[in-house]
Amino acid sequence: MPKLAELAFARTGDKGDDSIIGVYCKNEPDFEQALTKLSIDAIANHFGCESSQVSVTPLPKLMAFTVVIRGILAGGVTRSMRTDPHGKTLGSYLLEL
């Protein structure tokens, strides 16, 4: 099975301590494959967080998903000591699924 990066691209934003990742598929067959890859448990395992921190909203008419990972930004932009406080690299990491 292909990596998510072969099926879609991602855009990442943040809201406080939460990362919001938009995943956009290229066509309907890719959306269907991505649907199987983007389970809450798979994402939580990939990011090393709890399943309760993850939500996935499929948007079939747009062939897209909204993935929210709560509490992953180490305090958010104004408090995080991370190199990437906005979590922009998290979208690329998600595409490795």
PDB file of N, CA and C in Angstrom:
ATOM      1  N   MET A   1       0.843  -1.186   0.000  1.00  0.00           N
ATOM      2  CA  MET A   1       0.000   0.000   0.000  1.00  0.00           C
ATOM      3  C   MET A   1       0.886   1.246   0.000  1.00  0.00           C
ATOM      4  N   PRO A   2       0.550   2.240  -0.809  1.00  0.00           N
ATOM      5  CA  PRO A   2       1.385   3.445  -0.908  1.00  0.00           C
ATOM      6  C   PRO A   2       1.324   4.300   0.356  1.00  0.00           C
ATOM      7  N   LYS A   3       2.359   5.113   0.530  1.00  0.00           N
ATOM      8  CA  LYS A   3       2.346   6.088   1.608  1.00  0.00           C
ATOM      9  C   LYS A   3       1.269   7.124   1.311  1.00  0.00           C
ATOM     10  N   LEU A   4       0.804   7.779   2.346  1.00  0.00           N
ATOM     11  CA  LEU A   4      -0.198   8.826   2.199  1.00  0.00           C
ATOM     12  C   LEU A   4       0.309   9.936   1.272  1.00  0.00           C
ATOM     13  N   ALA A   5       1.604  10.186   1.280  1.00  0.00           N
ATOM     14  CA  ALA A   5       2.191  11.237   0.439  1.00  0.00           C
ATOM     15  C   ALA A   5       1.981  10.977  -1.061  1.00  0.00           C
ATOM     16  N   GLU A   6       1.776   9.717  -1.434  1.00  0.00           N
ATOM     17  CA  GLU A   6       1.522   9.393  -2.833  1.00  0.00           C
ATOM     18  C   GLU A   6       0.061   9.605  -3.209  1.00  0.00           C
ATOM     19  N   LEU A   7      -0.794   9.807  -2.201  1.00  0.00           N
ATOM     20  CA  LEU A   7      -2.226   9.953  -2.421  1.00  0.00           C
ATOM     21  C   LEU A   7      -2.729  11.371  -2.199  1.00  0.00           C
ATOM     22  N   ALA A   8      -1.959  12.158  -1.446  1.00  0.00           N
ATOM     23  CA  ALA A   8      -2.479  13.452  -1.003  1.00  0.00           C
ATOM     24  C   ALA A   8      -1.347  14.421  -0.681  1.00  0.00           C
ATOM     25  N   PHE A   9      -1.738  15.670  -0.437  1.00  0.00           N
ATOM     26  CA  PHE A   9      -0.808  16.656   0.104  1.00  0.00           C
ATOM     27  C   PHE A   9      -1.452  17.243   1.353  1.00  0.00           C
ATOM     28  N   ALA A  10      -0.671  17.954   2.149  1.00  0.00           N
ATOM     29  CA  ALA A  10      -1.175  18.458   3.428  1.00  0.00           C
ATOM     30  C   ALA A  10      -0.803  19.921   3.630  1.00  0.00           C
ATOM     31  N   ARG A  11      -1.665  20.602   4.356  1.00  0.00           N
ATOM     32  CA  ARG A  11      -1.407  21.968   4.813  1.00  0.00           C
ATOM     33  C   ARG A  11      -1.660  21.973   6.310  1.00  0.00           C
ATOM     34  N   THR A  12      -0.775  22.620   7.029  1.00  0.00           N
ATOM     35  CA  THR A  12      -0.838  22.558   8.485  1.00  0.00           C
ATOM     36  C   THR A  12      -1.004  23.945   9.084  1.00  0.00           C
ATOM     37  N   GLY A  13      -1.835  24.019  10.114  1.00  0.00           N
ATOM     38  CA  GLY A  13      -2.011  25.250  10.870  1.00  0.00           C
ATOM     39  C   GLY A  13      -2.056  24.915  12.346  1.00  0.00           C
ATOM     40  N   ASP A  14      -2.278  25.913  13.153  1.00  0.00           N
ATOM     41  CA  ASP A  14      -2.330  25.657  14.592  1.00  0.00           C
ATOM     42  C   ASP A  14      -3.388  26.537  15.220  1.00  0.00           C
ATOM     43  N   LYS A  15      -3.860  26.099  16.349  1.00  0.00           N
ATOM     44  CA  LYS A  15      -4.779  26.876  17.174  1.00  0.00           C
ATOM     45  C   LYS A  15      -4.363  26.610  18.605  1.00  0.00           C
ATOM     46  N   GLY A  16      -3.560  27.506  19.144  1.00  0.00           N
ATOM     47  CA  GLY A  16      -3.044  27.287  20.490  1.00  0.00           C
ATOM     48  C   GLY A  16      -2.110  26.096  20.515  1.00  0.00           C
ATOM     49  N   ASP A  17      -2.443  25.108  21.311  1.00  0.00           N
ATOM     50  CA  ASP A  17      -1.606  23.926  21.496  1.00  0.00           C
ATOM     51  C   ASP A  17      -2.001  22.782  20.554  1.00  0.00           C
ATOM     52  N   ASP A  18      -2.960  23.030  19.675  1.00  0.00           N
ATOM     53  CA  ASP A  18      -3.472  21.989  18.780  1.00  0.00           C
ATOM     54  C   ASP A  18      -2.972  22.191  17.355  1.00  0.00           C
ATOM     55  N   SER A  19      -2.680  21.087  16.688  1.00  0.00           N
ATOM     56  CA  SER A  19      -2.285  21.121  15.284  1.00  0.00           C
ATOM     57  C   SER A  19      -3.489  20.720  14.441  1.00  0.00           C
ATOM     58  N   ILE A  20      -3.742  21.493  13.397  1.00  0.00           N
ATOM     59  CA  ILE A  20      -4.836  21.225  12.464  1.00  0.00           C
ATOM     60  C   ILE A  20      -4.207  20.971  11.107  1.00  0.00           C
ATOM     61  N   ILE A  21      -4.430  19.760  10.584  1.00  0.00           N
ATOM     62  CA  ILE A  21      -3.805  19.370   9.323  1.00  0.00           C
ATOM     63  C   ILE A  21      -4.892  19.071   8.301  1.00  0.00           C
ATOM     64  N   GLY A  22      -4.876  19.823   7.215  1.00  0.00           N
ATOM     65  CA  GLY A  22      -5.773  19.545   6.103  1.00  0.00           C
ATOM     66  C   GLY A  22      -5.073  18.589   5.151  1.00  0.00           C
ATOM     67  N   VAL A  23      -5.734  17.484   4.825  1.00  0.00           N
ATOM     68  CA  VAL A  23      -5.181  16.481   3.907  1.00  0.00           C
ATOM     69  C   VAL A  23      -6.069  16.479   2.672  1.00  0.00           C
ATOM     70  N   TYR A  24      -5.482  16.730   1.510  1.00  0.00           N
ATOM     71  CA  TYR A  24      -6.232  16.885   0.263  1.00  0.00           C
ATOM     72  C   TYR A  24      -5.802  15.821  -0.732  1.00  0.00           C
ATOM     73  N   CYS A  25      -6.742  15.005  -1.166  1.00  0.00           N
ATOM     74  CA  CYS A  25      -6.446  13.926  -2.104  1.00  0.00           C
ATOM     75  C   CYS A  25      -6.571  14.401  -3.544  1.00  0.00           C
ATOM     76  N   LYS A  26      -5.898  13.671  -4.421  1.00  0.00           N
ATOM     77  CA  LYS A  26      -5.843  14.051  -5.838  1.00  0.00           C
ATOM     78  C   LYS A  26      -7.069  13.596  -6.620  1.00  0.00           C
ATOM     79  N   ASN A  27      -7.698  12.503  -6.170  1.00  0.00           N
ATOM     80  CA  ASN A  27      -8.872  11.978  -6.879  1.00  0.00           C
ATOM     81  C   ASN A  27      -9.649  11.059  -5.935  1.00  0.00           C
ATOM     82  N   GLU A  28     -10.794  10.593  -6.387  1.00  0.00           N
ATOM     83  CA  GLU A  28     -11.662   9.780  -5.529  1.00  0.00           C
ATOM     84  C   GLU A  28     -11.045   8.442  -5.112  1.00  0.00           C
ATOM     85  N   PRO A  29     -10.384   7.694  -6.011  1.00  0.00           N
ATOM     86  CA  PRO A  29      -9.741   6.453  -5.557  1.00  0.00           C
ATOM     87  C   PRO A  29      -8.673   6.700  -4.481  1.00  0.00           C
ATOM     88  N   ASP A  30      -7.917   7.802  -4.618  1.00  0.00           N
ATOM     89  CA  ASP A  30      -6.921   8.135  -3.593  1.00  0.00           C
ATOM     90  C   ASP A  30      -7.601   8.475  -2.268  1.00  0.00           C
ATOM     91  N   PHE A  31      -8.747   9.163  -2.341  1.00  0.00           N
ATOM     92  CA  PHE A  31      -9.503   9.492  -1.129  1.00  0.00           C
ATOM     93  C   PHE A  31      -9.923   8.209  -0.410  1.00  0.00           C
ATOM     94  N   GLU A  32     -10.396   7.234  -1.154  1.00  0.00           N
ATOM     95  CA  GLU A  32     -10.832   5.970  -0.559  1.00  0.00           C
ATOM     96  C   GLU A  32      -9.665   5.244   0.120  1.00  0.00           C
ATOM     97  N   GLN A  33      -8.492   5.265  -0.507  1.00  0.00           N
ATOM     98  CA  GLN A  33      -7.308   4.642   0.123  1.00  0.00           C
ATOM     99  C   GLN A  33      -6.890   5.418   1.368  1.00  0.00           C
ATOM    100  N   ALA A  34      -6.924   6.750   1.272  1.00  0.00           N
ATOM    101  CA  ALA A  34      -6.543   7.584   2.412  1.00  0.00           C
ATOM    102  C   ALA A  34      -7.493   7.362   3.585  1.00  0.00           C
ATOM    103  N   LEU A  35      -8.746   7.100   3.282  1.00  0.00           N
ATOM    104  CA  LEU A  35      -9.743   6.852   4.327  1.00  0.00           C
ATOM    105  C   LEU A  35      -9.331   5.678   5.208  1.00  0.00           C
ATOM    106  N   THR A  36      -8.733   4.667   4.609  1.00  0.00           N
ATOM    107  CA  THR A  36      -8.286   3.512   5.397  1.00  0.00           C
ATOM    108  C   THR A  36      -7.009   3.817   6.178  1.00  0.00           C
ATOM    109  N   LYS A  37      -6.176   4.706   5.669  1.00  0.00           N
ATOM    110  CA  LYS A  37      -4.921   5.049   6.344  1.00  0.00           C
ATOM    111  C   LYS A  37      -5.123   6.005   7.521  1.00  0.00           C
ATOM    112  N   LEU A  38      -6.101   6.891   7.404  1.00  0.00           N
ATOM    113  CA  LEU A  38      -6.266   7.953   8.390  1.00  0.00           C
ATOM    114  C   LEU A  38      -7.216   7.560   9.520  1.00  0.00           C
ATOM    115  N   SER A  39      -6.939   6.444  10.157  1.00  0.00           N
ATOM    116  CA  SER A  39      -7.719   6.074  11.337  1.00  0.00           C
ATOM    117  C   SER A  39      -7.140   6.814  12.541  1.00  0.00           C
ATOM    118  N   ILE A  40      -7.974   7.038  13.522  1.00  0.00           N
ATOM    119  CA  ILE A  40      -7.528   7.729  14.734  1.00  0.00           C
ATOM    120  C   ILE A  40      -6.383   6.960  15.393  1.00  0.00           C
ATOM    121  N   ASP A  41      -6.523   5.643  15.486  1.00  0.00           N
ATOM    122  CA  ASP A  41      -5.474   4.850  16.136  1.00  0.00           C
ATOM    123  C   ASP A  41      -4.159   4.888  15.365  1.00  0.00           C
ATOM    124  N   ALA A  42      -4.229   4.841  14.028  1.00  0.00           N
ATOM    125  CA  ALA A  42      -3.006   4.883  13.218  1.00  0.00           C
ATOM    126  C   ALA A  42      -2.288   6.216  13.397  1.00  0.00           C
ATOM    127  N   ILE A  43      -3.043   7.294  13.418  1.00  0.00           N
ATOM    128  CA  ILE A  43      -2.451   8.627  13.585  1.00  0.00           C
ATOM    129  C   ILE A  43      -1.850   8.769  14.980  1.00  0.00           C
ATOM    130  N   ALA A  44      -2.580   8.349  15.999  1.00  0.00           N
ATOM    131  CA  ALA A  44      -2.075   8.436  17.377  1.00  0.00           C
ATOM    132  C   ALA A  44      -0.790   7.629  17.532  1.00  0.00           C
ATOM    133  N   ASN A  45      -0.765   6.443  16.968  1.00  0.00           N
ATOM    134  CA  ASN A  45       0.431   5.614  17.041  1.00  0.00           C
ATOM    135  C   ASN A  45       1.597   6.281  16.309  1.00  0.00           C
ATOM    136  N   HIS A  46       1.333   6.843  15.160  1.00  0.00           N
ATOM    137  CA  HIS A  46       2.363   7.498  14.346  1.00  0.00           C
ATOM    138  C   HIS A  46       2.984   8.694  15.084  1.00  0.00           C
ATOM    139  N   PHE A  47       2.147   9.467  15.785  1.00  0.00           N
ATOM    140  CA  PHE A  47       2.624  10.655  16.479  1.00  0.00           C
ATOM    141  C   PHE A  47       3.002  10.389  17.936  1.00  0.00           C
ATOM    142  N   GLY A  48       2.774   9.168  18.417  1.00  0.00           N
ATOM    143  CA  GLY A  48       3.111   8.841  19.794  1.00  0.00           C
ATOM    144  C   GLY A  48       2.251   9.568  20.805  1.00  0.00           C
ATOM    145  N   CYS A  49       0.968   9.704  20.498  1.00  0.00           N
ATOM    146  CA  CYS A  49       0.056  10.371  21.420  1.00  0.00           C
ATOM    147  C   CYS A  49      -1.136   9.458  21.702  1.00  0.00           C
ATOM    148  N   GLU A  50      -2.031   9.913  22.532  1.00  0.00           N
ATOM    149  CA  GLU A  50      -3.229   9.152  22.876  1.00  0.00           C
ATOM    150  C   GLU A  50      -4.289   9.303  21.780  1.00  0.00           C
ATOM    151  N   SER A  51      -5.055   8.256  21.570  1.00  0.00           N
ATOM    152  CA  SER A  51      -6.147   8.309  20.582  1.00  0.00           C
ATOM    153  C   SER A  51      -7.134   9.415  20.910  1.00  0.00           C
ATOM    154  N   SER A  52      -7.319   9.701  22.188  1.00  0.00           N
ATOM    155  CA  SER A  52      -8.262  10.744  22.603  1.00  0.00           C
ATOM    156  C   SER A  52      -7.828  12.140  22.159  1.00  0.00           C
ATOM    157  N   GLN A  53      -6.569  12.304  21.763  1.00  0.00           N
ATOM    158  CA  GLN A  53      -6.071  13.597  21.297  1.00  0.00           C
ATOM    159  C   GLN A  53      -6.350  13.829  19.816  1.00  0.00           C
ATOM    160  N   VAL A  54      -6.769  12.794  19.096  1.00  0.00           N
ATOM    161  CA  VAL A  54      -6.878  12.852  17.637  1.00  0.00           C
ATOM    162  C   VAL A  54      -8.333  12.840  17.196  1.00  0.00           C
ATOM    163  N   SER A  55      -8.655  13.691  16.234  1.00  0.00           N
ATOM    164  CA  SER A  55      -9.954  13.596  15.553  1.00  0.00           C
ATOM    165  C   SER A  55      -9.708  13.697  14.055  1.00  0.00           C
ATOM    166  N   VAL A  56     -10.523  12.975  13.305  1.00  0.00           N
ATOM    167  CA  VAL A  56     -10.415  12.965  11.853  1.00  0.00           C
ATOM    168  C   VAL A  56     -11.812  13.206  11.280  1.00  0.00           C
ATOM    169  N   THR A  57     -11.928  14.217  10.436  1.00  0.00           N
ATOM    170  CA  THR A  57     -13.206  14.507   9.789  1.00  0.00           C
ATOM    171  C   THR A  57     -13.039  14.348   8.288  1.00  0.00           C
ATOM    172  N   PRO A  58     -13.636  13.291   7.709  1.00  0.00           N
ATOM    173  CA  PRO A  58     -13.582  13.137   6.256  1.00  0.00           C
ATOM    174  C   PRO A  58     -14.537  14.135   5.590  1.00  0.00           C
ATOM    175  N   LEU A  59     -14.101  14.695   4.481  1.00  0.00           N
ATOM    176  CA  LEU A  59     -14.899  15.634   3.692  1.00  0.00           C
ATOM    177  C   LEU A  59     -14.971  15.099   2.266  1.00  0.00           C
ATOM    178  N   PRO A  60     -15.830  14.083   2.022  1.00  0.00           N
ATOM    179  CA  PRO A  60     -15.816  13.364   0.742  1.00  0.00           C
ATOM    180  C   PRO A  60     -16.064  14.228  -0.485  1.00  0.00           C
ATOM    181  N   LYS A  61     -16.909  15.237  -0.377  1.00  0.00           N
ATOM    182  CA  LYS A  61     -17.180  16.078  -1.552  1.00  0.00           C
ATOM    183  C   LYS A  61     -15.961  16.887  -1.967  1.00  0.00           C
ATOM    184  N   LEU A  62     -15.072  17.130  -1.011  1.00  0.00           N
ATOM    185  CA  LEU A  62     -13.831  17.865  -1.294  1.00  0.00           C
ATOM    186  C   LEU A  62     -12.646  16.925  -1.478  1.00  0.00           C
ATOM    187  N   MET A  63     -12.878  15.618  -1.264  1.00  0.00           N
ATOM    188  CA  MET A  63     -11.808  14.616  -1.293  1.00  0.00           C
ATOM    189  C   MET A  63     -10.695  15.022  -0.327  1.00  0.00           C
ATOM    190  N   ALA A  64     -11.106  15.377   0.890  1.00  0.00           N
ATOM    191  CA  ALA A  64     -10.170  15.922   1.876  1.00  0.00           C
ATOM    192  C   ALA A  64     -10.537  15.430   3.278  1.00  0.00           C
ATOM    193  N   PHE A  65      -9.638  15.727   4.214  1.00  0.00           N
ATOM    194  CA  PHE A  65      -9.823  15.384   5.618  1.00  0.00           C
ATOM    195  C   PHE A  65      -9.323  16.544   6.465  1.00  0.00           C
ATOM    196  N   THR A  66      -9.940  16.730   7.615  1.00  0.00           N
ATOM    197  CA  THR A  66      -9.392  17.611   8.628  1.00  0.00           C
ATOM    198  C   THR A  66      -8.930  16.727   9.776  1.00  0.00           C
ATOM    199  N   VAL A  67      -7.653  16.798  10.081  1.00  0.00           N
ATOM    200  CA  VAL A  67      -7.074  16.022  11.177  1.00  0.00           C
ATOM    201  C   VAL A  67      -6.667  17.014  12.260  1.00  0.00           C
ATOM    202  N   VAL A  68      -7.153  16.802  13.468  1.00  0.00           N
ATOM    203  CA  VAL A  68      -6.789  17.653  14.605  1.00  0.00           C
ATOM    204  C   VAL A  68      -6.076  16.777  15.628  1.00  0.00           C
ATOM    205  N   ILE A  69      -4.901  17.243  16.054  1.00  0.00           N
ATOM    206  CA  ILE A  69      -4.151  16.560  17.108  1.00  0.00           C
ATOM    207  C   ILE A  69      -4.007  17.561  18.254  1.00  0.00           C
ATOM    208  N   ARG A  70      -4.757  17.311  19.313  1.00  0.00           N
ATOM    209  CA  ARG A  70      -4.794  18.232  20.438  1.00  0.00           C
ATOM    210  C   ARG A  70      -3.583  18.037  21.351  1.00  0.00           C
ATOM    211  N   GLY A  71      -3.048  19.154  21.836  1.00  0.00           N
ATOM    212  CA  GLY A  71      -1.977  19.123  22.823  1.00  0.00           C
ATOM    213  C   GLY A  71      -0.630  18.670  22.307  1.00  0.00           C
ATOM    214  N   ILE A  72      -0.396  18.769  21.011  1.00  0.00           N
ATOM    215  CA  ILE A  72       0.865  18.256  20.450  1.00  0.00           C
ATOM    216  C   ILE A  72       1.928  19.341  20.242  1.00  0.00           C
ATOM    217  N   LEU A  73       1.576  20.601  20.445  1.00  0.00           N
ATOM    218  CA  LEU A  73       2.517  21.677  20.134  1.00  0.00           C
ATOM    219  C   LEU A  73       3.289  22.206  21.341  1.00  0.00           C
ATOM    220  N   ALA A  74       3.327  21.438  22.409  1.00  0.00           N
ATOM    221  CA  ALA A  74       4.155  21.784  23.578  1.00  0.00           C
ATOM    222  C   ALA A  74       3.878  23.186  24.097  1.00  0.00           C
ATOM    223  N   GLY A  75       2.602  23.536  24.205  1.00  0.00           N
ATOM    224  CA  GLY A  75       2.231  24.829  24.764  1.00  0.00           C
ATOM    225  C   GLY A  75       1.758  25.841  23.742  1.00  0.00           C
ATOM    226  N   GLY A  76       2.002  25.602  22.486  1.00  0.00           N
ATOM    227  CA  GLY A  76       1.577  26.543  21.454  1.00  0.00           C
ATOM    228  C   GLY A  76       2.657  27.557  21.119  1.00  0.00           C
ATOM    229  N   VAL A  77       2.366  28.385  20.153  1.00  0.00           N
ATOM    230  CA  VAL A  77       3.354  29.297  19.579  1.00  0.00           C
ATOM    231  C   VAL A  77       4.008  30.207  20.607  1.00  0.00           C
ATOM    232  N   THR A  78       3.243  30.759  21.509  1.00  0.00           N
ATOM    233  CA  THR A  78       3.822  31.739  22.438  1.00  0.00           C
ATOM    234  C   THR A  78       4.539  31.112  23.621  1.00  0.00           C
ATOM    235  N   ARG A  79       4.351  29.799  23.838  1.00  0.00           N
ATOM    236  CA  ARG A  79       4.981  29.170  25.002  1.00  0.00           C
ATOM    237  C   ARG A  79       5.941  28.050  24.649  1.00  0.00           C
ATOM    238  N   SER A  80       5.918  27.580  23.444  1.00  0.00           N
ATOM    239  CA  SER A  80       6.727  26.426  23.066  1.00  0.00           C
ATOM    240  C   SER A  80       8.186  26.808  22.847  1.00  0.00           C
ATOM    241  N   MET A  81       9.069  25.923  23.262  1.00  0.00           N
ATOM    242  CA  MET A  81      10.495  26.100  23.023  1.00  0.00           C
ATOM    243  C   MET A  81      10.941  25.309  21.791  1.00  0.00           C
ATOM    244  N   ARG A  82       9.980  24.732  21.075  1.00  0.00           N
ATOM    245  CA  ARG A  82      10.290  23.923  19.899  1.00  0.00           C
ATOM    246  C   ARG A  82      10.831  24.781  18.759  1.00  0.00           C
ATOM    247  N   THR A  83      11.574  24.153  17.888  1.00  0.00           N
ATOM    248  CA  THR A  83      12.073  24.825  16.693  1.00  0.00           C
ATOM    249  C   THR A  83      10.916  25.184  15.765  1.00  0.00           C
ATOM    250  N   ASP A  84       9.869  24.365  15.782  1.00  0.00           N
ATOM    251  CA  ASP A  84       8.713  24.555  14.908  1.00  0.00           C
ATOM    252  C   ASP A  84       7.453  24.706  15.772  1.00  0.00           C
ATOM    253  N   PRO A  85       7.275  25.857  16.440  1.00  0.00           N
ATOM    254  CA  PRO A  85       6.149  26.005  17.366  1.00  0.00           C
ATOM    255  C   PRO A  85       4.781  25.978  16.677  1.00  0.00           C
ATOM    256  N   HIS A  86       4.716  26.299  15.390  1.00  0.00           N
ATOM    257  CA  HIS A  86       3.454  26.242  14.649  1.00  0.00           C
ATOM    258  C   HIS A  86       3.124  24.820  14.212  1.00  0.00           C
ATOM    259  N   GLY A  87       4.095  23.923  14.258  1.00  0.00           N
ATOM    260  CA  GLY A  87       3.866  22.535  13.853  1.00  0.00           C
ATOM    261  C   GLY A  87       3.735  22.355  12.348  1.00  0.00           C
ATOM    262  N   LYS A  88       4.360  23.218  11.573  1.00  0.00           N
ATOM    263  CA  LYS A  88       4.248  23.130  10.108  1.00  0.00           C
ATOM    264  C   LYS A  88       4.822  21.827   9.558  1.00  0.00           C
ATOM    265  N   THR A  89       5.779  21.246  10.238  1.00  0.00           N
ATOM    266  CA  THR A  89       6.372  19.990   9.764  1.00  0.00           C
ATOM    267  C   THR A  89       5.475  18.779  10.047  1.00  0.00           C
ATOM    268  N   LEU A  90       4.473  18.937  10.899  1.00  0.00           N
ATOM    269  CA  LEU A  90       3.620  17.802  11.268  1.00  0.00           C
ATOM    270  C   LEU A  90       2.806  17.290  10.073  1.00  0.00           C
ATOM    271  N   GLY A  91       2.450  18.163   9.147  1.00  0.00           N
ATOM    272  CA  GLY A  91       1.738  17.718   7.945  1.00  0.00           C
ATOM    273  C   GLY A  91       2.596  16.799   7.110  1.00  0.00           C
ATOM    274  N   SER A  92       3.856  17.142   6.953  1.00  0.00           N
ATOM    275  CA  SER A  92       4.776  16.286   6.209  1.00  0.00           C
ATOM    276  C   SER A  92       4.968  14.960   6.910  1.00  0.00           C
ATOM    277  N   TYR A  93       5.030  15.002   8.235  1.00  0.00           N
ATOM    278  CA  TYR A  93       5.201  13.769   8.992  1.00  0.00           C
ATOM    279  C   TYR A  93       3.964  12.878   8.844  1.00  0.00           C
ATOM    280  N   LEU A  94       2.785  13.464   8.857  1.00  0.00           N
ATOM    281  CA  LEU A  94       1.554  12.694   8.680  1.00  0.00           C
ATOM    282  C   LEU A  94       1.550  11.988   7.333  1.00  0.00           C
ATOM    283  N   LEU A  95       2.077  12.623   6.293  1.00  0.00           N
ATOM    284  CA  LEU A  95       2.094  12.033   4.957  1.00  0.00           C
ATOM    285  C   LEU A  95       2.991  10.802   4.869  1.00  0.00           C
ATOM    286  N   GLU A  96       3.799  10.551   5.879  1.00  0.00           N
ATOM    287  CA  GLU A  96       4.637   9.349   5.905  1.00  0.00           C
ATOM    288  C   GLU A  96       3.843   8.086   6.252  1.00  0.00           C
ATOM    289  N   LEU A  97       2.601   8.250   6.696  1.00  0.00           N
ATOM    290  CA  LEU A  97       1.754   7.079   7.011  1.00  0.00           C
ATOM    291  C   LEU A  97       1.604   6.187   5.794  1.00  0.00           C
TER     292      LEU A  97
END
